[in-house]
Amino acid sequence: MWGKPLDPRRFRGNFVLKLNDGAPSEPEWVGKRTVIGEVELQADSLCERCVVITMDPDTQKKDPSLLKLVNREFGLMFGVYASVVRTGQVRLGDTVSIA
C-alpha cells in the first residue's frame, strides 16, 4: 500500500504474520485466541500507532507519509496487543490459527 520498501521493524512487533487471502482482519482478532506453534495468545486490543513508525530503524530518517497512510486506511490502528495464555516454543514457519 505504501509503495516503498517497508522494514517491519518500524512497527516493533514480536510476531509478523503473513495472512492468507480471506483471513480475518486484525479488528476481528480482538477477544479471540491465537495459537502460534506451542504458544497461545489472547488478543486484547488493537495497537494505536504513533510517530515512531515514521522513522527508518537504521538511519532514523523520518517519513511522515507512512503514518498518514496508516491513519487514512486503518484509523491509526495496526497490530494487536496480546496476553500470553500458554507459553511454549514458536518457530519460523509455524502455522497460526485464530479461534
C-alpha atoms as a PDB file:
ATOM      1  CA  MET A   1       0.000   0.000   0.000  1.00  0.00           C
ATOM      2  CA  TRP A   2       2.798   2.410   0.871  1.00  0.00           C
ATOM      3  CA  GLY A   3       4.624   1.914  -2.421  1.00  0.00           C
ATOM      4  CA  LYS A   4       8.049   1.928  -0.743  1.00  0.00           C
ATOM      5  CA  PRO A   5      10.170  -0.806   0.828  1.00  0.00           C
ATOM      6  CA  LEU A   6       8.842  -1.314   4.355  1.00  0.00           C
ATOM      7  CA  ASP A   7      11.040  -2.612   7.154  1.00  0.00           C
ATOM      8  CA  PRO A   8       8.745  -4.422   9.627  1.00  0.00           C
ATOM      9  CA  ARG A   9      10.984  -3.244  12.490  1.00  0.00           C
ATOM     10  CA  ARG A  10       9.216   0.121  12.240  1.00  0.00           C
ATOM     11  CA  PHE A  11       6.253  -1.498  13.996  1.00  0.00           C
ATOM     12  CA  ARG A  12       8.296  -3.177  16.786  1.00  0.00           C
ATOM     13  CA  GLY A  13       6.203  -6.353  16.684  1.00  0.00           C
ATOM     14  CA  ASN A  14       7.036  -9.571  18.448  1.00  0.00           C
ATOM     15  CA  PHE A  15       5.456 -11.523  15.598  1.00  0.00           C
ATOM     16  CA  VAL A  16       4.983 -10.601  11.954  1.00  0.00           C
ATOM     17  CA  LEU A  17       2.414 -12.808  10.267  1.00  0.00           C
ATOM     18  CA  LYS A  18       1.734 -13.469   6.610  1.00  0.00           C
ATOM     19  CA  LEU A  19      -2.009 -13.920   6.171  1.00  0.00           C
ATOM     20  CA  ASN A  20      -3.781 -15.947   3.535  1.00  0.00           C
ATOM     21  CA  ASP A  21      -6.472 -14.356   1.406  1.00  0.00           C
ATOM     22  CA  GLY A  22      -9.733 -14.346   3.305  1.00  0.00           C
ATOM     23  CA  ALA A  23      -8.053 -14.424   6.732  1.00  0.00           C
ATOM     24  CA  PRO A  24      -9.793 -12.396   9.447  1.00  0.00           C
ATOM     25  CA  SER A  25      -8.598  -8.784   9.692  1.00  0.00           C
ATOM     26  CA  GLU A  26      -6.935  -7.581  12.901  1.00  0.00           C
ATOM     27  CA  PRO A  27     -10.064  -5.985  14.424  1.00  0.00           C
ATOM     28  CA  GLU A  28     -11.694  -9.428  14.233  1.00  0.00           C
ATOM     29  CA  TRP A  29      -8.869 -10.935  16.345  1.00  0.00           C
ATOM     30  CA  VAL A  30      -9.655  -8.874  19.454  1.00  0.00           C
ATOM     31  CA  GLY A  31     -11.196 -11.068  22.137  1.00  0.00           C
ATOM     32  CA  LYS A  32     -10.079 -14.248  20.403  1.00  0.00           C
ATOM     33  CA  ARG A  33      -7.209 -16.637  20.996  1.00  0.00           C
ATOM     34  CA  THR A  34      -4.332 -17.062  18.575  1.00  0.00           C
ATOM     35  CA  VAL A  35      -2.165 -20.177  18.522  1.00  0.00           C
ATOM     36  CA  ILE A  36       1.337 -19.971  17.043  1.00  0.00           C
ATOM     37  CA  GLY A  37       3.323 -23.175  17.386  1.00  0.00           C
ATOM     38  CA  GLU A  38       3.026 -24.191  21.055  1.00  0.00           C
ATOM     39  CA  VAL A  39       2.063 -20.681  22.214  1.00  0.00           C
ATOM     40  CA  GLU A  40      -1.460 -19.426  22.819  1.00  0.00           C
ATOM     41  CA  LEU A  41      -2.169 -15.692  22.962  1.00  0.00           C
ATOM     42  CA  GLN A  42      -5.273 -13.684  23.827  1.00  0.00           C
ATOM     43  CA  ALA A  43      -5.738 -10.680  21.518  1.00  0.00           C
ATOM     44  CA  ASP A  44      -6.638  -7.893  23.945  1.00  0.00           C
ATOM     45  CA  SER A  45      -6.839  -4.726  21.852  1.00  0.00           C
ATOM     46  CA  LEU A  46      -5.736  -3.032  18.665  1.00  0.00           C
ATOM     47  CA  CYS A  47      -2.434  -1.170  18.682  1.00  0.00           C
ATOM     48  CA  GLU A  48      -2.662   2.575  18.045  1.00  0.00           C
ATOM     49  CA  ARG A  49       0.348   3.742  16.038  1.00  0.00           C
ATOM     50  CA  CYS A  50       2.368   6.891  16.646  1.00  0.00           C
ATOM     51  CA  VAL A  51       5.176   8.882  15.058  1.00  0.00           C
ATOM     52  CA  VAL A  52       7.737   6.127  15.788  1.00  0.00           C
ATOM     53  CA  ILE A  53       6.708   4.261  12.611  1.00  0.00           C
ATOM     54  CA  THR A  54       7.809   7.262  10.539  1.00  0.00           C
ATOM     55  CA  MET A  55      11.475   6.634  11.465  1.00  0.00           C
ATOM     56  CA  ASP A  56      13.740   4.335   9.478  1.00  0.00           C
ATOM     57  CA  PRO A  57      15.164   1.862  12.043  1.00  0.00           C
ATOM     58  CA  ASP A  58      18.672   2.125  10.571  1.00  0.00           C
ATOM     59  CA  THR A  59      19.008   5.809   9.706  1.00  0.00           C
ATOM     60  CA  GLN A  60      16.281   7.388  11.903  1.00  0.00           C
ATOM     61  CA  LYS A  61      15.271   9.428   8.835  1.00  0.00           C
ATOM     62  CA  LYS A  62      11.602  10.409   9.161  1.00  0.00           C
ATOM     63  CA  ASP A  63       8.931   9.910   6.514  1.00  0.00           C
ATOM     64  CA  PRO A  64       5.506  11.029   7.788  1.00  0.00           C
ATOM     65  CA  SER A  65       3.738   9.549   4.751  1.00  0.00           C
ATOM     66  CA  LEU A  66       3.628   6.111   6.423  1.00  0.00           C
ATOM     67  CA  LEU A  67       1.773   7.400   9.483  1.00  0.00           C
ATOM     68  CA  LYS A  68      -0.604   9.317   7.205  1.00  0.00           C
ATOM     69  CA  LEU A  69      -1.337   6.105   5.288  1.00  0.00           C
ATOM     70  CA  VAL A  70      -1.930   4.088   8.471  1.00  0.00           C
ATOM     71  CA  ASN A  71      -4.261   6.830   9.696  1.00  0.00           C
ATOM     72  CA  ARG A  72      -6.185   7.031   6.421  1.00  0.00           C
ATOM     73  CA  GLU A  73      -6.517   3.274   5.865  1.00  0.00           C
ATOM     74  CA  PHE A  74      -6.685   1.913   9.425  1.00  0.00           C
ATOM     75  CA  GLY A  75      -7.590   4.813  11.728  1.00  0.00           C
ATOM     76  CA  LEU A  76      -4.073   4.586  13.252  1.00  0.00           C
ATOM     77  CA  MET A  77      -4.804   1.003  14.412  1.00  0.00           C
ATOM     78  CA  PHE A  78      -2.277  -1.501  13.084  1.00  0.00           C
ATOM     79  CA  GLY A  79      -1.355  -4.632  15.013  1.00  0.00           C
ATOM     80  CA  VAL A  80      -2.754  -6.092  18.221  1.00  0.00           C
ATOM     81  CA  TYR A  81      -1.690  -6.216  21.842  1.00  0.00           C
ATOM     82  CA  ALA A  82      -1.891  -9.742  23.209  1.00  0.00           C
ATOM     83  CA  SER A  83      -1.507 -11.526  26.530  1.00  0.00           C
ATOM     84  CA  VAL A  84       0.195 -14.897  26.895  1.00  0.00           C
ATOM     85  CA  VAL A  85      -2.233 -17.680  27.777  1.00  0.00           C
ATOM     86  CA  ARG A  86       0.177 -20.592  27.267  1.00  0.00           C
ATOM     87  CA  THR A  87       3.953 -20.382  26.856  1.00  0.00           C
ATOM     88  CA  GLY A  88       5.987 -22.602  24.560  1.00  0.00           C
ATOM     89  CA  GLN A  89       8.207 -22.522  21.516  1.00  0.00           C
ATOM     90  CA  VAL A  90       7.493 -20.671  18.301  1.00  0.00           C
ATOM     91  CA  ARG A  91       9.444 -21.473  15.160  1.00  0.00           C
ATOM     92  CA  LEU A  92       9.684 -19.649  11.858  1.00  0.00           C
ATOM     93  CA  GLY A  93       7.022 -21.087   9.570  1.00  0.00           C
ATOM     94  CA  ASP A  94       4.700 -22.323  12.360  1.00  0.00           C
ATOM     95  CA  THR A  95       1.032 -22.399  11.483  1.00  0.00           C
ATOM     96  CA  VAL A  96      -1.143 -19.692  13.032  1.00  0.00           C
ATOM     97  CA  SER A  97      -4.769 -20.260  13.944  1.00  0.00           C
ATOM     98  CA  ILE A  98      -7.348 -17.917  15.424  1.00  0.00           C
ATOM     99  CA  ALA A  99     -10.247 -19.259  17.468  1.00  0.00           C
END
